[in-house]
Protein backbone atom coordinates (compact mmCIF):
# COMPACT_ATOMS: atom_id res chain seq x y z
CA MET A 1 20.33 51.30 -40.76
CA LEU A 2 21.24 47.73 -41.64
CA PRO A 3 20.74 46.24 -45.08
CA PRO A 4 17.63 43.97 -45.38
CA GLU A 5 19.64 40.69 -45.47
CA LYS A 6 21.41 41.59 -42.17
CA GLU A 7 18.20 42.80 -40.54
CA ALA A 8 16.54 39.33 -40.81
CA THR A 9 19.40 37.54 -38.99
CA THR A 10 19.81 40.00 -36.12
CA LEU A 11 18.39 38.76 -32.80
CA GLU A 12 17.17 41.06 -30.12
CA PRO A 13 18.75 40.38 -26.70
CA TRP A 14 15.34 40.07 -25.00
CA ALA A 15 14.26 37.42 -27.53
CA VAL A 16 17.41 35.40 -26.82
CA ALA A 17 16.74 35.66 -23.07
CA ILE A 18 13.14 34.42 -23.46
CA GLY A 19 14.30 31.52 -25.64
CA LEU A 20 17.00 30.47 -23.17
CA ALA A 21 14.61 30.78 -20.21
CA THR A 22 12.08 28.58 -22.01
CA LEU A 23 14.75 26.01 -22.82
CA VAL A 24 15.96 25.92 -19.19
CA LEU A 25 12.38 25.60 -17.90
CA VAL A 26 11.54 22.71 -20.26
CA GLY A 27 14.82 20.98 -19.32
CA ALA A 28 14.06 21.36 -15.60
CA VAL A 29 10.57 19.89 -16.05
CA ALA A 30 12.01 16.97 -18.03
CA LEU A 31 14.63 16.27 -15.34
CA PHE A 32 12.05 16.44 -12.53
CA THR A 33 9.67 14.13 -14.42
CA THR A 34 12.45 11.59 -14.96
CA TRP A 35 13.46 11.70 -11.28
CA ASP A 36 9.82 11.40 -10.17
CA ARG A 37 9.19 8.31 -12.31
CA MET A 38 12.39 6.66 -11.06
CA HIS A 39 11.28 7.15 -7.42
CA ASN A 40 7.59 6.41 -7.96
CA SER A 41 7.51 3.31 -5.74
CA GLN A 42 9.04 5.19 -2.81
CA LEU A 43 6.86 8.26 -3.20
CA GLU A 44 3.51 6.54 -3.72
CA THR A 45 3.48 3.59 -1.35
CA ILE A 46 0.02 2.98 0.03
CA ILE A 47 -0.36 1.23 3.35
CA THR A 48 -3.85 0.11 4.23
CA PRO A 49 -4.36 -0.75 7.89
CA THR A 50 -7.63 -2.59 7.15
CA ALA A 51 -8.32 -6.00 5.61
CA VAL A 52 -9.56 -4.45 2.36
CA GLY A 53 -7.56 -5.76 -0.58
CA ASP A 54 -5.77 -8.54 1.33
CA THR A 55 -5.73 -11.63 -0.91
CA ASN A 56 -3.71 -13.99 1.29
CA PHE A 57 -6.54 -16.22 2.47
CA VAL A 58 -6.09 -18.82 5.20
CA GLN A 59 -7.45 -22.27 4.36
CA LYS A 60 -10.31 -23.13 6.67
CA PRO A 61 -9.59 -26.40 8.50
CA LEU A 62 -12.07 -29.23 7.97
CA ARG A 63 -12.72 -29.43 11.71
CA ARG A 64 -14.80 -26.76 13.43
CA THR A 65 -12.17 -26.17 16.15
CA GLY A 66 -8.56 -27.04 16.84
CA PRO A 67 -5.08 -26.11 15.63
CA ILE A 68 -4.70 -24.51 12.22
CA GLY A 69 -0.95 -25.10 11.88
CA LEU A 70 0.14 -21.45 12.16
CA LYS A 71 1.87 -19.48 14.92
CA TYR A 72 1.62 -15.85 15.99
CA GLN A 73 4.33 -14.46 18.27
CA GLY A 74 5.50 -18.01 18.98
CA ARG A 75 2.07 -19.27 20.07
CA LYS A 76 0.15 -21.90 18.10
CA LEU A 77 -3.18 -20.67 16.80
CA ASP A 78 -6.39 -22.62 17.35
CA LEU A 79 -9.59 -22.13 15.35
CA LEU A 80 -12.59 -21.01 17.40
CA SER A 81 -15.25 -20.07 14.85
CA ASP A 82 -16.12 -18.54 11.47
CA ASN A 83 -17.04 -14.85 11.29
CA LYS A 84 -18.68 -12.76 8.61
CA ILE A 85 -17.35 -9.23 9.11
CA ARG A 86 -16.80 -6.41 6.64
CA ASP A 87 -13.14 -6.08 5.66
CA SER A 88 -13.17 -2.36 6.38
CA ARG A 89 -14.10 -2.88 10.07
CA LEU A 90 -10.88 -4.72 10.92
CA LEU A 91 -7.41 -3.34 11.56
CA ARG A 92 -4.24 -5.22 10.68
CA ILE A 93 -2.10 -5.77 13.77
CA GLY A 94 0.63 -7.98 12.28
CA THR A 95 1.39 -11.20 10.45
CA ASP A 96 1.75 -14.79 11.52
CA ASP A 97 5.27 -16.08 12.21
CA SER A 98 5.68 -17.23 8.58
CA GLY A 99 4.98 -13.66 7.40
CA ILE A 100 2.36 -14.79 4.89
CA TYR A 101 -1.03 -14.27 6.58
CA SER A 102 -2.22 -11.09 8.24
CA ILE A 103 -3.70 -10.99 11.73
CA TYR A 104 -6.60 -8.62 12.41
CA ARG A 105 -8.57 -7.19 15.31
CA PRO A 106 -11.83 -5.21 15.19
CA GLU A 107 -11.64 -1.41 15.41
CA ASP A 108 -13.60 -1.67 18.65
CA ASP A 109 -11.49 -3.83 20.98
CA LYS A 110 -14.59 -4.71 23.01
CA GLU A 111 -15.89 -6.98 20.21
CA LEU A 112 -13.24 -9.69 20.85
CA PRO A 113 -11.33 -10.77 23.95
CA LYS A 114 -7.72 -9.52 24.01
CA ASP A 115 -6.14 -12.89 23.13
CA HIS A 116 -8.49 -13.59 20.19
CA PHE A 117 -7.60 -12.62 16.62
CA LEU A 118 -9.12 -12.84 13.16
CA MET A 119 -7.52 -14.21 9.99
CA LYS A 120 -8.95 -13.67 6.52
CA SER A 121 -10.33 -16.75 4.78
CA GLY A 122 -12.22 -14.94 2.00
CA THR A 123 -13.76 -11.60 1.12
CA ASN A 124 -15.65 -10.43 4.24
CA ASP A 125 -15.03 -13.92 5.68
CA PHE A 126 -12.75 -14.51 8.66
CA ILE A 127 -11.84 -17.21 11.12
CA GLU A 128 -11.51 -16.37 14.79
CA VAL A 129 -8.36 -17.81 16.34
CA VAL A 130 -6.78 -17.81 19.78
CA GLY A 131 -3.13 -18.28 20.75
CA GLU A 132 -2.33 -21.27 22.98
């Protein structure tokens, strides 16, 4: 039997194994958390195909109809009318040629002719445009 002063400093092999396993596990969690935070923007990108949350509003022209000064796929856009539609009912199909304003179409394609598009001018407020 060991003297009392030696008995207090002796470590059991299973206790050392549990301590090392805990240390490795905590280190692995810390490394994963660091990696996850560094790659947060890549891992958690949200793409919304609807008009909800879009804050790039097109200025409504003073005239009721006519050119609005923007192009989509090389065609000049002309204003046709104002529309009050819920943002969630429209799907984003692209952006104008400047890349600033989004172009939308209704979920149901039968609501608008094929060459007509919608651009957001406010919350639940859109202008209907057509390409020349």
